[in-house]
């Protein structure tokens, strides 16, 4: 959730108002064991700026060290993450993989760089981060965050990039990076642990969260979800939501197809984003988290000038 947010100040003000009404919410309080040597934050309730909009993040532990998948929204959140990592393993943190460039997934990068980690991302992702991160941080109030919330946070960009596929071996654990087609963003990365049948899907998959689709290519996103459904995976860590499976991938596919069809039809009839969002909410499959994104998606993707 980032580049398109900065396009429309009215949407930012709306988001901020929603978050203030929601009040404080807590993040996942510890890392959950997903499989042997694999842990993640999952299933945060009450998504808000204070808990990285409910973003998930995780670790893979090998003989030679740790690979981190995403770093949350701020230096403060990253420090909490590092404390939780250290409760699980004291091994050195070797790599950070950014699944995509949005602030809720990468603004904690700099705390891991301080520990000597190498930041890895798809090459389009690095370009987007370099283009937008400093401006996003400058305008952070529009995301419902204060300067105090972001104290110590600074952009830290990937120093290693790939184009289609890459493998990281940290001793007994092979971590496959796969460039997903332009789905949620143009630089999405899937993190696949083939031997464990575990997949970190980033924001290609939202489970029980309304997704941010304003930058998405719906046609390509659907194809990518079909490809994930054909993979040999049993546990999927979505970008937001609980540990998921193939049924959740199918639900995501049905959601974005329905949203795109309905939003186009309603945008052709009405120019009022609130009216469109209300009709969409009543017609879309129910999801408990981040309903505010329905209106944001409409205004940024379907009513943009």
Foldseek 3Di string as FASTA:
>chain_A
DDDLLVVDLVLLVVLLVVQVVLDDFDFQQAWDDPDVQKTKGFAGPSQALLHLRQFMKIWGAAPQFIEIEFQAAALVSNVSVVVRVVVVDPHQHAEYEYQAQDRGGHQNPVVNVVSVYAYEFAPVRLVVNVVGVVVCVVVVVSRNDDCVSHVPTDGDGGPHHDHAWDWDPRHPWIWIWGAQPQAQHRTGIWIDRQVQLEIERAALFEALADGQRLRGDLVSSLVSLVVVLPHSHAWYGYRHHHTDGNVRSVLSNVQSVVLVVQLQVVVVVDLDLVVSLVVSCVVGPHGDHDSSSSSVSSVRHPNDD
